[in-house]
Amino acid sequence: MSTGGWIGLVIGMAVLFFVMGGFIAFIVSKKLFEKQIRENPPITEKMIRAMFLQMGRKASESQIKAVMRSMTNAKNENNN
């Protein structure tokens, strides 16, 4: 095989491995993301209402919005 053939083969294999690595990384990161969402689902207003009812309180809409806002702010502070 000539030198040009070897260079073409090496470049072709590099591109193939790059594409395969990207695909494998995508699949692995997708599985990890789905696992995290399954273990730690995002909290909703319905969950906050249930939490207030378990504490024996009837929460007003403004209280629920305030809790959601404080959780969003806390999450943003932790990310920074």
PDB file of N, CA and C in Angstrom:
ATOM      1  N   MET A   1       0.848  -1.169   0.000  1.00  0.00           N
ATOM      2  CA  MET A   1       0.000   0.000   0.000  1.00  0.00           C
ATOM      3  C   MET A   1       0.899   1.238   0.000  1.00  0.00           C
ATOM      4  N   SER A   2       0.493   2.239  -0.747  1.00  0.00           N
ATOM      5  CA  SER A   2       1.309   3.450  -0.857  1.00  0.00           C
ATOM      6  C   SER A   2       1.126   4.349   0.368  1.00  0.00           C
ATOM      7  N   THR A   3       1.971   5.356   0.441  1.00  0.00           N
ATOM      8  CA  THR A   3       1.918   6.298   1.562  1.00  0.00           C
ATOM      9  C   THR A   3       0.578   7.031   1.592  1.00  0.00           C
ATOM     10  N   GLY A   4       0.088   7.429   0.432  1.00  0.00           N
ATOM     11  CA  GLY A   4      -1.208   8.115   0.370  1.00  0.00           C
ATOM     12  C   GLY A   4      -2.339   7.234   0.868  1.00  0.00           C
ATOM     13  N   GLY A   5      -2.250   5.948   0.570  1.00  0.00           N
ATOM     14  CA  GLY A   5      -3.267   5.014   1.050  1.00  0.00           C
ATOM     15  C   GLY A   5      -3.273   4.901   2.561  1.00  0.00           C
ATOM     16  N   TRP A   6      -2.072   4.869   3.143  1.00  0.00           N
ATOM     17  CA  TRP A   6      -1.969   4.795   4.604  1.00  0.00           C
ATOM     18  C   TRP A   6      -2.514   6.057   5.261  1.00  0.00           C
ATOM     19  N   ILE A   7      -2.184   7.197   4.678  1.00  0.00           N
ATOM     20  CA  ILE A   7      -2.672   8.468   5.238  1.00  0.00           C
ATOM     21  C   ILE A   7      -4.193   8.513   5.167  1.00  0.00           C
ATOM     22  N   GLY A   8      -4.747   8.096   4.039  1.00  0.00           N
ATOM     23  CA  GLY A   8      -6.206   8.064   3.897  1.00  0.00           C
ATOM     24  C   GLY A   8      -6.848   7.123   4.895  1.00  0.00           C
ATOM     25  N   LEU A   9      -6.229   5.971   5.097  1.00  0.00           N
ATOM     26  CA  LEU A   9      -6.749   4.995   6.052  1.00  0.00           C
ATOM     27  C   LEU A   9      -6.717   5.549   7.476  1.00  0.00           C
ATOM     28  N   VAL A  10      -5.622   6.195   7.845  1.00  0.00           N
ATOM     29  CA  VAL A  10      -5.492   6.768   9.195  1.00  0.00           C
ATOM     30  C   VAL A  10      -6.525   7.872   9.405  1.00  0.00           C
ATOM     31  N   ILE A  11      -6.683   8.744   8.423  1.00  0.00           N
ATOM     32  CA  ILE A  11      -7.664   9.835   8.549  1.00  0.00           C
ATOM     33  C   ILE A  11      -9.079   9.265   8.617  1.00  0.00           C
ATOM     34  N   GLY A  12      -9.359   8.277   7.787  1.00  0.00           N
ATOM     35  CA  GLY A  12     -10.681   7.648   7.812  1.00  0.00           C
ATOM     36  C   GLY A  12     -10.989   6.999   9.147  1.00  0.00           C
ATOM     37  N   MET A  13     -10.012   6.292   9.695  1.00  0.00           N
ATOM     38  CA  MET A  13     -10.215   5.654  10.999  1.00  0.00           C
ATOM     39  C   MET A  13     -10.391   6.696  12.103  1.00  0.00           C
ATOM     40  N   ALA A  14      -9.630   7.794  12.027  1.00  0.00           N
ATOM     41  CA  ALA A  14      -9.752   8.856  13.032  1.00  0.00           C
ATOM     42  C   ALA A  14     -11.154   9.454  13.001  1.00  0.00           C
ATOM     43  N   VAL A  15     -11.668   9.716  11.811  1.00  0.00           N
ATOM     44  CA  VAL A  15     -13.021  10.270  11.691  1.00  0.00           C
ATOM     45  C   VAL A  15     -14.044   9.266  12.217  1.00  0.00           C
ATOM     46  N   LEU A  16     -13.880   8.009  11.874  1.00  0.00           N
ATOM     47  CA  LEU A  16     -14.803   6.970  12.337  1.00  0.00           C
ATOM     48  C   LEU A  16     -14.800   6.876  13.864  1.00  0.00           C
ATOM     49  N   PHE A  17     -13.617   6.856  14.465  1.00  0.00           N
ATOM     50  CA  PHE A  17     -13.533   6.779  15.927  1.00  0.00           C
ATOM     51  C   PHE A  17     -14.098   8.032  16.588  1.00  0.00           C
ATOM     52  N   PHE A  18     -13.894   9.188  15.974  1.00  0.00           N
ATOM     53  CA  PHE A  18     -14.436  10.437  16.510  1.00  0.00           C
ATOM     54  C   PHE A  18     -15.963  10.389  16.522  1.00  0.00           C
ATOM     55  N   VAL A  19     -16.563   9.942  15.432  1.00  0.00           N
ATOM     56  CA  VAL A  19     -18.024   9.852  15.352  1.00  0.00           C
ATOM     57  C   VAL A  19     -18.549   8.817  16.346  1.00  0.00           C
ATOM     58  N   MET A  20     -17.891   7.679  16.432  1.00  0.00           N
ATOM     59  CA  MET A  20     -18.321   6.643  17.382  1.00  0.00           C
ATOM     60  C   MET A  20     -18.202   7.138  18.824  1.00  0.00           C
ATOM     61  N   GLY A  21     -17.124   7.838  19.150  1.00  0.00           N
ATOM     62  CA  GLY A  21     -16.948   8.388  20.496  1.00  0.00           C
ATOM     63  C   GLY A  21     -18.021   9.403  20.836  1.00  0.00           C
ATOM     64  N   GLY A  22     -18.358  10.254  19.886  1.00  0.00           N
ATOM     65  CA  GLY A  22     -19.419  11.231  20.108  1.00  0.00           C
ATOM     66  C   GLY A  22     -20.758  10.559  20.353  1.00  0.00           C
ATOM     67  N   PHE A  23     -21.048   9.522  19.583  1.00  0.00           N
ATOM     68  CA  PHE A  23     -22.304   8.793  19.745  1.00  0.00           C
ATOM     69  C   PHE A  23     -22.357   8.102  21.107  1.00  0.00           C
ATOM     70  N   ILE A  24     -21.276   7.464  21.494  1.00  0.00           N
ATOM     71  CA  ILE A  24     -21.231   6.781  22.794  1.00  0.00           C
ATOM     72  C   ILE A  24     -21.362   7.790  23.936  1.00  0.00           C
ATOM     73  N   ALA A  25     -20.686   8.932  23.827  1.00  0.00           N
ATOM     74  CA  ALA A  25     -20.783   9.970  24.862  1.00  0.00           C
ATOM     75  C   ALA A  25     -22.213  10.492  24.967  1.00  0.00           C
ATOM     76  N   PHE A  26     -22.886  10.652  23.835  1.00  0.00           N
ATOM     77  CA  PHE A  26     -24.276  11.114  23.837  1.00  0.00           C
ATOM     78  C   PHE A  26     -25.176  10.118  24.564  1.00  0.00           C
ATOM     79  N   ILE A  27     -25.025   8.839  24.256  1.00  0.00           N
ATOM     80  CA  ILE A  27     -25.863   7.810  24.877  1.00  0.00           C
ATOM     81  C   ILE A  27     -25.616   7.750  26.386  1.00  0.00           C
ATOM     82  N   VAL A  28     -24.351   7.780  26.797  1.00  0.00           N
ATOM     83  CA  VAL A  28     -24.020   7.699  28.225  1.00  0.00           C
ATOM     84  C   VAL A  28     -24.551   8.919  28.973  1.00  0.00           C
ATOM     85  N   SER A  29     -24.354  10.117  28.424  1.00  0.00           N
ATOM     86  CA  SER A  29     -24.829  11.321  29.115  1.00  0.00           C
ATOM     87  C   SER A  29     -26.352  11.353  29.175  1.00  0.00           C
ATOM     88  N   LYS A  30     -27.026  10.847  28.148  1.00  0.00           N
ATOM     89  CA  LYS A  30     -28.493  10.789  28.161  1.00  0.00           C
ATOM     90  C   LYS A  30     -28.978   9.852  29.260  1.00  0.00           C
ATOM     91  N   LYS A  31     -28.341   8.699  29.389  1.00  0.00           N
ATOM     92  CA  LYS A  31     -28.726   7.739  30.433  1.00  0.00           C
ATOM     93  C   LYS A  31     -28.498   8.327  31.828  1.00  0.00           C
ATOM     94  N   LEU A  32     -27.365   9.004  32.034  1.00  0.00           N
ATOM     95  CA  LEU A  32     -27.082   9.614  33.337  1.00  0.00           C
ATOM     96  C   LEU A  32     -28.092  10.708  33.665  1.00  0.00           C
ATOM     97  N   PHE A  33     -28.450  11.521  32.665  1.00  0.00           N
ATOM     98  CA  PHE A  33     -29.426  12.586  32.870  1.00  0.00           C
ATOM     99  C   PHE A  33     -30.785  12.001  33.242  1.00  0.00           C
ATOM    100  N   GLU A  34     -31.217  10.971  32.528  1.00  0.00           N
ATOM    101  CA  GLU A  34     -32.500  10.339  32.836  1.00  0.00           C
ATOM    102  C   GLU A  34     -32.493   9.725  34.235  1.00  0.00           C
ATOM    103  N   LYS A  35     -31.367   9.151  34.647  1.00  0.00           N
ATOM    104  CA  LYS A  35     -31.257   8.564  35.987  1.00  0.00           C
ATOM    105  C   LYS A  35     -31.376   9.648  37.053  1.00  0.00           C
ATOM    106  N   GLN A  36     -30.717  10.787  36.837  1.00  0.00           N
ATOM    107  CA  GLN A  36     -30.794  11.880  37.811  1.00  0.00           C
ATOM    108  C   GLN A  36     -32.206  12.435  37.909  1.00  0.00           C
ATOM    109  N   ILE A  37     -32.881  12.595  36.780  1.00  0.00           N
ATOM    110  CA  ILE A  37     -34.253  13.107  36.800  1.00  0.00           C
ATOM    111  C   ILE A  37     -35.176  12.113  37.505  1.00  0.00           C
ATOM    112  N   ARG A  38     -34.946  10.828  37.304  1.00  0.00           N
ATOM    113  CA  ARG A  38     -35.762   9.804  37.954  1.00  0.00           C
ATOM    114  C   ARG A  38     -35.544   9.828  39.469  1.00  0.00           C
ATOM    115  N   GLU A  39     -34.302   9.995  39.912  1.00  0.00           N
ATOM    116  CA  GLU A  39     -33.994   9.986  41.345  1.00  0.00           C
ATOM    117  C   GLU A  39     -34.341  11.310  42.020  1.00  0.00           C
ATOM    118  N   ASN A  40     -34.214  12.423  41.312  1.00  0.00           N
ATOM    119  CA  ASN A  40     -34.468  13.758  41.872  1.00  0.00           C
ATOM    120  C   ASN A  40     -35.387  14.534  40.936  1.00  0.00           C
ATOM    121  N   PRO A  41     -36.683  14.224  40.959  1.00  0.00           N
ATOM    122  CA  PRO A  41     -37.579  14.929  40.031  1.00  0.00           C
ATOM    123  C   PRO A  41     -37.697  16.405  40.405  1.00  0.00           C
ATOM    124  N   PRO A  42     -37.910  17.264  39.414  1.00  0.00           N
ATOM    125  CA  PRO A  42     -38.082  18.687  39.717  1.00  0.00           C
ATOM    126  C   PRO A  42     -39.377  18.899  40.506  1.00  0.00           C
ATOM    127  N   ILE A  43     -39.344  19.825  41.440  1.00  0.00           N
ATOM    128  CA  ILE A  43     -40.505  20.061  42.299  1.00  0.00           C
ATOM    129  C   ILE A  43     -41.506  20.946  41.555  1.00  0.00           C
ATOM    130  N   THR A  44     -42.789  20.652  41.746  1.00  0.00           N
ATOM    131  CA  THR A  44     -43.851  21.399  41.080  1.00  0.00           C
ATOM    132  C   THR A  44     -44.726  22.082  42.126  1.00  0.00           C
ATOM    133  N   GLU A  45     -45.609  22.951  41.660  1.00  0.00           N
ATOM    134  CA  GLU A  45     -46.532  23.629  42.571  1.00  0.00           C
ATOM    135  C   GLU A  45     -47.460  22.618  43.239  1.00  0.00           C
ATOM    136  N   LYS A  46     -47.815  21.584  42.508  1.00  0.00           N
ATOM    137  CA  LYS A  46     -48.680  20.542  43.076  1.00  0.00           C
ATOM    138  C   LYS A  46     -47.993  19.857  44.258  1.00  0.00           C
ATOM    139  N   MET A  47     -46.687  19.622  44.147  1.00  0.00           N
ATOM    140  CA  MET A  47     -45.942  19.003  45.244  1.00  0.00           C
ATOM    141  C   MET A  47     -45.874  19.932  46.451  1.00  0.00           C
ATOM    142  N   ILE A  48     -45.740  21.222  46.205  1.00  0.00           N
ATOM    143  CA  ILE A  48     -45.693  22.190  47.310  1.00  0.00           C
ATOM    144  C   ILE A  48     -47.040  22.230  48.023  1.00  0.00           C
ATOM    145  N   ARG A  49     -48.135  22.197  47.249  1.00  0.00           N
ATOM    146  CA  ARG A  49     -49.467  22.162  47.865  1.00  0.00           C
ATOM    147  C   ARG A  49     -49.611  20.929  48.751  1.00  0.00           C
ATOM    148  N   ALA A  50     -49.157  19.774  48.259  1.00  0.00           N
ATOM    149  CA  ALA A  50     -49.243  18.535  49.042  1.00  0.00           C
ATOM    150  C   ALA A  50     -48.409  18.643  50.315  1.00  0.00           C
ATOM    151  N   MET A  51     -47.248  19.283  50.216  1.00  0.00           N
ATOM    152  CA  MET A  51     -46.389  19.453  51.383  1.00  0.00           C
ATOM    153  C   MET A  51     -47.088  20.322  52.435  1.00  0.00           C
ATOM    154  N   PHE A  52     -47.730  21.408  51.997  1.00  0.00           N
ATOM    155  CA  PHE A  52     -48.451  22.267  52.935  1.00  0.00           C
ATOM    156  C   PHE A  52     -49.609  21.504  53.576  1.00  0.00           C
ATOM    157  N   LEU A  53     -50.326  20.701  52.781  1.00  0.00           N
ATOM    158  CA  LEU A  53     -51.442  19.936  53.336  1.00  0.00           C
ATOM    159  C   LEU A  53     -50.959  18.911  54.355  1.00  0.00           C
ATOM    160  N   GLN A  54     -49.800  18.311  54.134  1.00  0.00           N
ATOM    161  CA  GLN A  54     -49.252  17.355  55.092  1.00  0.00           C
ATOM    162  C   GLN A  54     -48.886  18.038  56.404  1.00  0.00           C
ATOM    163  N   MET A  55     -48.540  19.321  56.315  1.00  0.00           N
ATOM    164  CA  MET A  55     -48.229  20.075  57.535  1.00  0.00           C
ATOM    165  C   MET A  55     -49.502  20.591  58.193  1.00  0.00           C
ATOM    166  N   GLY A  56     -50.656  20.318  57.588  1.00  0.00           N
ATOM    167  CA  GLY A  56     -51.919  20.753  58.165  1.00  0.00           C
ATOM    168  C   GLY A  56     -52.275  22.184  57.837  1.00  0.00           C
ATOM    169  N   ARG A  57     -51.745  22.710  56.755  1.00  0.00           N
ATOM    170  CA  ARG A  57     -52.021  24.094  56.369  1.00  0.00           C
ATOM    171  C   ARG A  57     -52.619  24.137  54.980  1.00  0.00           C
ATOM    172  N   LYS A  58     -53.461  25.122  54.755  1.00  0.00           N
ATOM    173  CA  LYS A  58     -54.004  25.375  53.425  1.00  0.00           C
ATOM    174  C   LYS A  58     -53.250  26.580  52.883  1.00  0.00           C
ATOM    175  N   ALA A  59     -52.401  26.345  51.909  1.00  0.00           N
ATOM    176  CA  ALA A  59     -51.537  27.407  51.394  1.00  0.00           C
ATOM    177  C   ALA A  59     -52.285  28.268  50.387  1.00  0.00           C
ATOM    178  N   SER A  60     -52.039  29.561  50.463  1.00  0.00           N
ATOM    179  CA  SER A  60     -52.603  30.461  49.460  1.00  0.00           C
ATOM    180  C   SER A  60     -51.720  30.428  48.216  1.00  0.00           C
ATOM    181  N   GLU A  61     -52.262  30.949  47.128  1.00  0.00           N
ATOM    182  CA  GLU A  61     -51.507  30.962  45.870  1.00  0.00           C
ATOM    183  C   GLU A  61     -50.235  31.791  46.005  1.00  0.00           C
ATOM    184  N   SER A  62     -50.303  32.888  46.761  1.00  0.00           N
ATOM    185  CA  SER A  62     -49.112  33.732  46.929  1.00  0.00           C
ATOM    186  C   SER A  62     -48.022  33.000  47.719  1.00  0.00           C
ATOM    187  N   GLN A  63     -48.415  32.188  48.709  1.00  0.00           N
ATOM    188  CA  GLN A  63     -47.422  31.418  49.459  1.00  0.00           C
ATOM    189  C   GLN A  63     -46.742  30.385  48.564  1.00  0.00           C
ATOM    190  N   ILE A  64     -47.525  29.744  47.711  1.00  0.00           N
ATOM    191  CA  ILE A  64     -46.956  28.739  46.808  1.00  0.00           C
ATOM    192  C   ILE A  64     -46.001  29.403  45.828  1.00  0.00           C
ATOM    193  N   LYS A  65     -46.400  30.544  45.282  1.00  0.00           N
ATOM    194  CA  LYS A  65     -45.523  31.273  44.355  1.00  0.00           C
ATOM    195  C   LYS A  65     -44.243  31.720  45.063  1.00  0.00           C
ATOM    196  N   ALA A  66     -44.369  32.140  46.336  1.00  0.00           N
ATOM    197  CA  ALA A  66     -43.192  32.572  47.090  1.00  0.00           C
ATOM    198  C   ALA A  66     -42.229  31.407  47.313  1.00  0.00           C
ATOM    199  N   VAL A  67     -42.761  30.228  47.613  1.00  0.00           N
ATOM    200  CA  VAL A  67     -41.902  29.055  47.808  1.00  0.00           C
ATOM    201  C   VAL A  67     -41.205  28.698  46.500  1.00  0.00           C
ATOM    202  N   MET A  68     -41.949  28.713  45.389  1.00  0.00           N
ATOM    203  CA  MET A  68     -41.353  28.407  44.080  1.00  0.00           C
ATOM    204  C   MET A  68     -40.251  29.418  43.749  1.00  0.00           C
ATOM    205  N   ARG A  69     -40.519  30.692  44.020  1.00  0.00           N
ATOM    206  CA  ARG A  69     -39.538  31.739  43.740  1.00  0.00           C
ATOM    207  C   ARG A  69     -38.287  31.559  44.599  1.00  0.00           C
ATOM    208  N   SER A  70     -38.478  31.233  45.882  1.00  0.00           N
ATOM    209  CA  SER A  70     -37.315  31.055  46.763  1.00  0.00           C
ATOM    210  C   SER A  70     -36.498  29.828  46.354  1.00  0.00           C
ATOM    211  N   MET A  71     -37.156  28.778  45.896  1.00  0.00           N
ATOM    212  CA  MET A  71     -36.422  27.593  45.443  1.00  0.00           C
ATOM    213  C   MET A  71     -35.647  27.896  44.164  1.00  0.00           C
ATOM    214  N   THR A  72     -36.251  28.661  43.264  1.00  0.00           N
ATOM    215  CA  THR A  72     -35.558  29.044  42.031  1.00  0.00           C
ATOM    216  C   THR A  72     -34.346  29.908  42.347  1.00  0.00           C
ATOM    217  N   ASN A  73     -34.522  30.854  43.277  1.00  0.00           N
ATOM    218  CA  ASN A  73     -33.401  31.718  43.659  1.00  0.00           C
ATOM    219  C   ASN A  73     -32.284  30.914  44.326  1.00  0.00           C
ATOM    220  N   ALA A  74     -32.652  29.971  45.181  1.00  0.00           N
ATOM    221  CA  ALA A  74     -31.639  29.142  45.850  1.00  0.00           C
ATOM    222  C   ALA A  74     -30.889  28.288  44.837  1.00  0.00           C
ATOM    223  N   LYS A  75     -31.607  27.770  43.859  1.00  0.00           N
ATOM    224  CA  LYS A  75     -30.963  26.950  42.828  1.00  0.00           C
ATOM    225  C   LYS A  75     -29.999  27.800  42.004  1.00  0.00           C
ATOM    226  N   ASN A  76     -30.409  29.027  41.680  1.00  0.00           N
ATOM    227  CA  ASN A  76     -29.539  29.915  40.903  1.00  0.00           C
ATOM    228  C   ASN A  76     -28.302  30.314  41.694  1.00  0.00           C
ATOM    229  N   GLU A  77     -28.440  30.514  43.003  1.00  0.00           N
ATOM    230  CA  GLU A  77     -27.285  30.872  43.831  1.00  0.00           C
ATOM    231  C   GLU A  77     -26.304  29.714  43.931  1.00  0.00           C
ATOM    232  N   ASN A  78     -26.819  28.491  43.981  1.00  0.00           N
ATOM    233  CA  ASN A  78     -25.942  27.318  44.061  1.00  0.00           C
ATOM    234  C   ASN A  78     -25.189  27.094  42.765  1.00  0.00           C
ATOM    235  N   ASN A  79     -25.770  27.472  41.635  1.00  0.00           N
ATOM    236  CA  ASN A  79     -25.112  27.284  40.342  1.00  0.00           C
ATOM    237  C   ASN A  79     -24.015  28.312  40.104  1.00  0.00           C
ATOM    238  N   ASN A  80     -24.061  29.424  40.789  1.00  0.00           N
ATOM    239  CA  ASN A  80     -23.049  30.479  40.581  1.00  0.00           C
ATOM    240  C   ASN A  80     -21.870  30.295  41.441  1.00  0.00           C
TER     241      ASN A  80
END
